[in-house]
Amino acid sequence: MAHILVVDDDSQVRSILSEALTRYGYTVSQAGNGLEALEQLAKRAFDVLLVDIVMPEKEGIETIMEVRHKFPAVLIIAMSGGSAYTSPHTNLQIARRIGADIVLSKPFTQAELFVQIDAALKKQFLKRKL
């Protein structure tokens, strides 16, 4: 099963997503910001990066750009609930333009997340077979 790195500065969000993904059968690791995520990506392979946009240290947009450059095979799912200055829609449009494969507006259901991950992994698998 796929190995997913959940990146969010909110520890409760990381915990809820990690528990749900683990119950669904995925192997899950966690990072509190983009810097931690990049450190983990440099040490081991991940199939999917589930990354929040608004975070301290290294925010999601920067993280997506760097991951897309250094680890092009990783599927990137960007998620955002917006911020005081931008809407989730704006954040996710930018994320999509710079390389996110999938975007999800918070809040989203576990079912929505599972469907998106499964579809993206199947698409990636088929691409590799061709």
N, C-alpha and C. Protein backbone atom coordinates (compact mmCIF):
# COMPACT_ATOMS: atom_id res chain seq x y z
N MET A 1 0.85 -1.19 0.00
CA MET A 1 0.00 0.00 0.00
C MET A 1 0.89 1.24 0.00
N ALA A 2 0.36 2.34 -0.44
CA ALA A 2 1.10 3.58 -0.60
C ALA A 2 1.54 4.16 0.75
N HIS A 3 2.67 4.88 0.70
CA HIS A 3 3.19 5.59 1.87
C HIS A 3 2.88 7.07 1.68
N ILE A 4 2.16 7.65 2.64
CA ILE A 4 1.69 9.03 2.56
C ILE A 4 2.35 9.87 3.64
N LEU A 5 2.82 11.06 3.27
CA LEU A 5 3.36 12.02 4.22
C LEU A 5 2.32 13.12 4.40
N VAL A 6 1.79 13.25 5.61
CA VAL A 6 0.80 14.26 5.95
C VAL A 6 1.53 15.45 6.55
N VAL A 7 1.37 16.63 5.92
CA VAL A 7 2.08 17.83 6.35
C VAL A 7 1.07 18.91 6.71
N ASP A 8 0.99 19.23 8.00
CA ASP A 8 0.08 20.27 8.47
C ASP A 8 0.62 20.78 9.80
N ASP A 9 0.54 22.09 10.02
CA ASP A 9 1.04 22.65 11.28
C ASP A 9 0.09 22.40 12.44
N ASP A 10 -1.13 22.02 12.17
CA ASP A 10 -2.11 21.72 13.22
C ASP A 10 -1.98 20.23 13.59
N SER A 11 -1.51 19.96 14.79
CA SER A 11 -1.27 18.58 15.21
C SER A 11 -2.56 17.75 15.24
N GLN A 12 -3.68 18.38 15.54
CA GLN A 12 -4.95 17.63 15.55
C GLN A 12 -5.35 17.21 14.13
N VAL A 13 -5.16 18.09 13.18
CA VAL A 13 -5.47 17.76 11.79
C VAL A 13 -4.57 16.62 11.33
N ARG A 14 -3.27 16.72 11.63
CA ARG A 14 -2.32 15.65 11.26
C ARG A 14 -2.75 14.32 11.87
N SER A 15 -3.12 14.36 13.12
CA SER A 15 -3.50 13.14 13.84
C SER A 15 -4.77 12.52 13.25
N ILE A 16 -5.78 13.32 13.01
CA ILE A 16 -7.05 12.82 12.46
C ILE A 16 -6.83 12.23 11.08
N LEU A 17 -6.11 12.97 10.21
CA LEU A 17 -5.85 12.46 8.87
C LEU A 17 -5.01 11.19 8.91
N SER A 18 -3.99 11.17 9.74
CA SER A 18 -3.11 10.01 9.84
C SER A 18 -3.86 8.77 10.31
N GLU A 19 -4.69 8.94 11.32
CA GLU A 19 -5.47 7.80 11.83
C GLU A 19 -6.41 7.27 10.75
N ALA A 20 -7.10 8.16 10.06
CA ALA A 20 -8.05 7.74 9.03
C ALA A 20 -7.32 7.02 7.89
N LEU A 21 -6.20 7.58 7.44
CA LEU A 21 -5.44 6.97 6.34
C LEU A 21 -4.85 5.63 6.75
N THR A 22 -4.42 5.51 7.99
CA THR A 22 -3.87 4.25 8.49
C THR A 22 -4.97 3.19 8.54
N ARG A 23 -6.15 3.57 9.04
CA ARG A 23 -7.29 2.62 9.08
C ARG A 23 -7.67 2.17 7.68
N TYR A 24 -7.51 3.04 6.70
CA TYR A 24 -7.85 2.72 5.32
C TYR A 24 -6.81 1.79 4.69
N GLY A 25 -5.63 1.69 5.34
CA GLY A 25 -4.62 0.75 4.86
C GLY A 25 -3.32 1.36 4.39
N TYR A 26 -3.22 2.68 4.43
CA TYR A 26 -1.98 3.33 4.01
C TYR A 26 -0.95 3.36 5.12
N THR A 27 0.30 3.43 4.74
CA THR A 27 1.39 3.71 5.68
C THR A 27 1.50 5.22 5.74
N VAL A 28 1.55 5.79 6.95
CA VAL A 28 1.50 7.24 7.09
C VAL A 28 2.63 7.75 7.98
N SER A 29 3.23 8.85 7.54
CA SER A 29 4.19 9.60 8.34
C SER A 29 3.67 11.03 8.43
N GLN A 30 4.23 11.80 9.38
CA GLN A 30 3.74 13.15 9.61
C GLN A 30 4.89 14.15 9.65
N ALA A 31 4.56 15.40 9.26
CA ALA A 31 5.49 16.52 9.39
C ALA A 31 4.67 17.76 9.75
N GLY A 32 5.26 18.64 10.57
CA GLY A 32 4.56 19.83 11.04
C GLY A 32 4.71 21.04 10.15
N ASN A 33 5.58 20.97 9.16
CA ASN A 33 5.76 22.08 8.22
C ASN A 33 6.56 21.59 7.02
N GLY A 34 6.75 22.48 6.06
CA GLY A 34 7.45 22.11 4.84
C GLY A 34 8.90 21.71 5.04
N LEU A 35 9.57 22.35 5.98
CA LEU A 35 10.97 21.99 6.24
C LEU A 35 11.08 20.55 6.72
N GLU A 36 10.23 20.19 7.67
CA GLU A 36 10.23 18.81 8.17
C GLU A 36 9.88 17.83 7.05
N ALA A 37 8.95 18.21 6.21
CA ALA A 37 8.54 17.33 5.10
C ALA A 37 9.71 17.08 4.15
N LEU A 38 10.43 18.13 3.79
CA LEU A 38 11.55 17.98 2.87
C LEU A 38 12.66 17.13 3.48
N GLU A 39 12.88 17.27 4.79
CA GLU A 39 13.86 16.42 5.47
C GLU A 39 13.46 14.95 5.37
N GLN A 40 12.18 14.67 5.58
CA GLN A 40 11.71 13.28 5.50
C GLN A 40 11.77 12.74 4.07
N LEU A 41 11.40 13.57 3.10
CA LEU A 41 11.46 13.15 1.70
C LEU A 41 12.88 12.83 1.26
N ALA A 42 13.85 13.51 1.83
CA ALA A 42 15.25 13.26 1.48
C ALA A 42 15.74 11.93 2.04
N LYS A 43 15.07 11.42 3.09
CA LYS A 43 15.50 10.19 3.76
C LYS A 43 14.79 8.93 3.27
N ARG A 44 13.55 9.09 2.78
CA ARG A 44 12.80 7.90 2.36
C ARG A 44 11.80 8.29 1.27
N ALA A 45 11.37 7.29 0.55
CA ALA A 45 10.44 7.52 -0.56
C ALA A 45 9.00 7.56 -0.04
N PHE A 46 8.23 8.48 -0.58
CA PHE A 46 6.80 8.58 -0.31
C PHE A 46 6.07 8.55 -1.64
N ASP A 47 4.87 7.99 -1.63
CA ASP A 47 4.05 7.96 -2.84
C ASP A 47 3.21 9.21 -2.96
N VAL A 48 2.75 9.71 -1.80
CA VAL A 48 1.83 10.85 -1.79
C VAL A 48 2.26 11.84 -0.71
N LEU A 49 2.19 13.12 -1.06
CA LEU A 49 2.40 14.21 -0.12
C LEU A 49 1.06 14.92 0.03
N LEU A 50 0.50 14.90 1.23
CA LEU A 50 -0.75 15.60 1.54
C LEU A 50 -0.35 16.82 2.34
N VAL A 51 -0.40 18.00 1.72
CA VAL A 51 0.22 19.19 2.32
C VAL A 51 -0.76 20.36 2.44
N ASP A 52 -0.76 20.96 3.63
CA ASP A 52 -1.53 22.17 3.87
C ASP A 52 -0.81 23.34 3.21
N ILE A 53 -1.54 24.37 2.88
CA ILE A 53 -0.94 25.53 2.23
C ILE A 53 -0.41 26.54 3.25
N VAL A 54 -1.20 26.87 4.25
CA VAL A 54 -0.83 27.91 5.20
C VAL A 54 -0.17 27.27 6.42
N MET A 55 1.15 27.46 6.53
CA MET A 55 1.94 26.91 7.64
C MET A 55 3.10 27.84 7.94
N PRO A 56 3.62 27.78 9.17
CA PRO A 56 4.84 28.54 9.47
C PRO A 56 6.08 27.82 8.93
N GLU A 57 7.22 28.42 9.09
CA GLU A 57 8.51 27.86 8.65
C GLU A 57 8.61 27.84 7.14
N LYS A 58 8.07 26.83 6.51
CA LYS A 58 8.02 26.73 5.05
C LYS A 58 6.60 26.35 4.70
N GLU A 59 5.90 27.30 4.06
CA GLU A 59 4.50 27.08 3.77
C GLU A 59 4.31 26.14 2.58
N GLY A 60 3.06 25.81 2.32
CA GLY A 60 2.76 24.79 1.33
C GLY A 60 3.15 25.11 -0.10
N ILE A 61 2.98 26.35 -0.52
CA ILE A 61 3.32 26.71 -1.90
C ILE A 61 4.81 26.49 -2.15
N GLU A 62 5.63 26.99 -1.25
CA GLU A 62 7.09 26.77 -1.36
C GLU A 62 7.43 25.29 -1.35
N THR A 63 6.77 24.56 -0.46
CA THR A 63 7.03 23.13 -0.33
C THR A 63 6.66 22.40 -1.61
N ILE A 64 5.51 22.72 -2.18
CA ILE A 64 5.08 22.07 -3.42
C ILE A 64 6.09 22.33 -4.53
N MET A 65 6.53 23.57 -4.66
CA MET A 65 7.49 23.89 -5.73
C MET A 65 8.78 23.09 -5.56
N GLU A 66 9.28 23.00 -4.33
CA GLU A 66 10.52 22.27 -4.10
C GLU A 66 10.35 20.77 -4.29
N VAL A 67 9.25 20.23 -3.81
CA VAL A 67 8.99 18.80 -3.98
C VAL A 67 8.84 18.46 -5.46
N ARG A 68 8.11 19.28 -6.19
CA ARG A 68 7.92 19.01 -7.61
C ARG A 68 9.26 19.01 -8.34
N HIS A 69 10.18 19.88 -7.93
CA HIS A 69 11.50 19.96 -8.55
C HIS A 69 12.40 18.78 -8.16
N LYS A 70 12.44 18.47 -6.85
CA LYS A 70 13.38 17.45 -6.35
C LYS A 70 12.82 16.03 -6.39
N PHE A 71 11.52 15.89 -6.27
CA PHE A 71 10.88 14.56 -6.18
C PHE A 71 9.68 14.51 -7.13
N PRO A 72 9.91 14.57 -8.43
CA PRO A 72 8.82 14.71 -9.39
C PRO A 72 7.81 13.56 -9.41
N ALA A 73 8.18 12.40 -8.94
CA ALA A 73 7.27 11.25 -8.98
C ALA A 73 6.24 11.27 -7.85
N VAL A 74 6.45 12.09 -6.83
CA VAL A 74 5.53 12.12 -5.69
C VAL A 74 4.23 12.79 -6.10
N LEU A 75 3.12 12.12 -5.80
CA LEU A 75 1.81 12.74 -6.01
C LEU A 75 1.59 13.79 -4.93
N ILE A 76 1.14 14.96 -5.32
CA ILE A 76 0.95 16.05 -4.37
C ILE A 76 -0.53 16.40 -4.28
N ILE A 77 -1.04 16.33 -3.05
CA ILE A 77 -2.40 16.76 -2.77
C ILE A 77 -2.30 17.97 -1.85
N ALA A 78 -2.77 19.11 -2.35
CA ALA A 78 -2.75 20.34 -1.56
C ALA A 78 -4.11 20.51 -0.90
N MET A 79 -4.10 20.99 0.35
CA MET A 79 -5.35 21.24 1.06
C MET A 79 -5.26 22.61 1.72
N SER A 80 -6.40 23.29 1.77
CA SER A 80 -6.39 24.62 2.38
C SER A 80 -7.77 24.98 2.88
N GLY A 81 -7.76 25.64 4.02
CA GLY A 81 -8.98 26.24 4.56
C GLY A 81 -8.93 27.75 4.42
N GLY A 82 -7.91 28.24 3.71
CA GLY A 82 -7.75 29.67 3.52
C GLY A 82 -6.97 30.28 4.66
N SER A 83 -6.89 31.60 4.63
CA SER A 83 -6.21 32.34 5.69
C SER A 83 -6.92 33.68 5.86
N ALA A 84 -6.39 34.52 6.72
CA ALA A 84 -6.99 35.84 6.92
C ALA A 84 -6.90 36.68 5.65
N TYR A 85 -5.96 36.34 4.76
CA TYR A 85 -5.71 37.17 3.58
C TYR A 85 -6.14 36.54 2.27
N THR A 86 -6.30 35.23 2.23
CA THR A 86 -6.65 34.57 0.98
C THR A 86 -7.71 33.50 1.22
N SER A 87 -8.47 33.23 0.19
CA SER A 87 -9.51 32.20 0.28
C SER A 87 -8.89 30.85 -0.03
N PRO A 88 -9.57 29.77 0.39
CA PRO A 88 -9.07 28.44 0.02
C PRO A 88 -8.99 28.29 -1.50
N HIS A 89 -9.97 28.84 -2.21
CA HIS A 89 -10.01 28.73 -3.66
C HIS A 89 -8.74 29.34 -4.28
N THR A 90 -8.36 30.52 -3.82
CA THR A 90 -7.17 31.19 -4.35
C THR A 90 -5.92 30.36 -4.05
N ASN A 91 -5.78 29.93 -2.80
CA ASN A 91 -4.61 29.12 -2.41
C ASN A 91 -4.51 27.86 -3.27
N LEU A 92 -5.64 27.21 -3.48
CA LEU A 92 -5.63 25.95 -4.21
C LEU A 92 -5.42 26.14 -5.71
N GLN A 93 -5.89 27.26 -6.25
CA GLN A 93 -5.60 27.57 -7.66
C GLN A 93 -4.08 27.72 -7.86
N ILE A 94 -3.45 28.43 -6.95
CA ILE A 94 -2.00 28.61 -7.04
C ILE A 94 -1.30 27.26 -6.91
N ALA A 95 -1.73 26.46 -5.96
CA ALA A 95 -1.13 25.14 -5.75
C ALA A 95 -1.23 24.28 -7.00
N ARG A 96 -2.38 24.30 -7.65
CA ARG A 96 -2.58 23.52 -8.86
C ARG A 96 -1.64 24.01 -9.97
N ARG A 97 -1.50 25.31 -10.10
CA ARG A 97 -0.64 25.88 -11.15
C ARG A 97 0.83 25.56 -10.97
N ILE A 98 1.25 25.37 -9.73
CA ILE A 98 2.68 25.11 -9.50
C ILE A 98 3.01 23.63 -9.35
N GLY A 99 1.99 22.76 -9.50
CA GLY A 99 2.33 21.34 -9.52
C GLY A 99 1.53 20.39 -8.67
N ALA A 100 0.55 20.88 -7.90
CA ALA A 100 -0.27 19.95 -7.13
C ALA A 100 -1.13 19.13 -8.09
N ASP A 101 -1.19 17.83 -7.86
CA ASP A 101 -1.99 16.95 -8.70
C ASP A 101 -3.47 17.04 -8.36
N ILE A 102 -3.75 17.23 -7.06
CA ILE A 102 -5.12 17.27 -6.55
C ILE A 102 -5.19 18.40 -5.54
N VAL A 103 -6.33 19.07 -5.47
CA VAL A 103 -6.53 20.11 -4.46
C VAL A 103 -7.83 19.82 -3.72
N LEU A 104 -7.80 20.03 -2.40
CA LEU A 104 -8.96 19.81 -1.56
C LEU A 104 -9.17 21.02 -0.65
N SER A 105 -10.39 21.52 -0.64
CA SER A 105 -10.73 22.63 0.24
C SER A 105 -11.18 22.07 1.59
N LYS A 106 -10.58 22.57 2.66
CA LYS A 106 -11.00 22.15 4.00
C LYS A 106 -12.30 22.86 4.35
N PRO A 107 -13.21 22.21 5.02
CA PRO A 107 -13.15 20.81 5.44
C PRO A 107 -13.57 19.89 4.30
N PHE A 108 -13.03 18.68 4.32
CA PHE A 108 -13.42 17.66 3.36
C PHE A 108 -13.66 16.37 4.14
N THR A 109 -14.39 15.45 3.51
CA THR A 109 -14.70 14.19 4.20
C THR A 109 -13.59 13.17 3.97
N GLN A 110 -13.55 12.19 4.83
CA GLN A 110 -12.58 11.10 4.64
C GLN A 110 -12.85 10.40 3.32
N ALA A 111 -14.11 10.22 2.98
CA ALA A 111 -14.45 9.55 1.73
C ALA A 111 -13.90 10.32 0.53
N GLU A 112 -14.05 11.65 0.54
CA GLU A 112 -13.51 12.48 -0.55
C GLU A 112 -12.00 12.28 -0.67
N LEU A 113 -11.32 12.28 0.46
CA LEU A 113 -9.87 12.11 0.47
C LEU A 113 -9.48 10.75 -0.09
N PHE A 114 -10.14 9.68 0.37
CA PHE A 114 -9.81 8.34 -0.10
C PHE A 114 -10.04 8.18 -1.59
N VAL A 115 -11.15 8.71 -2.08
CA VAL A 115 -11.46 8.63 -3.52
C VAL A 115 -10.38 9.33 -4.33
N GLN A 116 -9.98 10.51 -3.90
CA GLN A 116 -8.97 11.28 -4.63
C GLN A 116 -7.61 10.56 -4.63
N ILE A 117 -7.20 10.05 -3.48
CA ILE A 117 -5.92 9.35 -3.40
C ILE A 117 -5.94 8.09 -4.26
N ASP A 118 -6.99 7.30 -4.12
CA ASP A 118 -7.08 6.06 -4.90
C ASP A 118 -7.04 6.33 -6.40
N ALA A 119 -7.80 7.34 -6.85
CA ALA A 119 -7.84 7.66 -8.27
C ALA A 119 -6.48 8.13 -8.76
N ALA A 120 -5.81 8.97 -7.98
CA ALA A 120 -4.50 9.49 -8.38
C ALA A 120 -3.46 8.37 -8.44
N LEU A 121 -3.50 7.47 -7.47
CA LEU A 121 -2.54 6.36 -7.47
C LEU A 121 -2.78 5.42 -8.64
N LYS A 122 -4.03 5.15 -8.97
CA LYS A 122 -4.34 4.30 -10.13
C LYS A 122 -3.86 4.96 -11.41
N LYS A 123 -4.10 6.26 -11.54
CA LYS A 123 -3.66 7.00 -12.72
C LYS A 123 -2.14 6.96 -12.85
N GLN A 124 -1.45 7.14 -11.72
CA GLN A 124 0.01 7.10 -11.73
C GLN A 124 0.51 5.71 -12.11
N PHE A 125 -0.12 4.68 -11.59
CA PHE A 125 0.26 3.30 -11.91
C PHE A 125 0.10 3.03 -13.40
N LEU A 126 -1.03 3.46 -13.95
CA LEU A 126 -1.27 3.24 -15.39
C LEU A 126 -0.26 4.00 -16.25
N LYS A 127 0.10 5.20 -15.82
CA LYS A 127 1.10 5.98 -16.55
C LYS A 127 2.44 5.26 -16.60
N ARG A 128 2.82 4.66 -15.48
CA ARG A 128 4.10 3.93 -15.41
C ARG A 128 4.09 2.69 -16.29
N LYS A 129 2.92 2.08 -16.44
CA LYS A 129 2.82 0.84 -17.23
C LYS A 129 2.92 1.12 -18.73
N LEU A 130 2.57 2.33 -19.15
CA LEU A 130 2.56 2.66 -20.58
C LEU A 130 3.91 2.99 -21.10
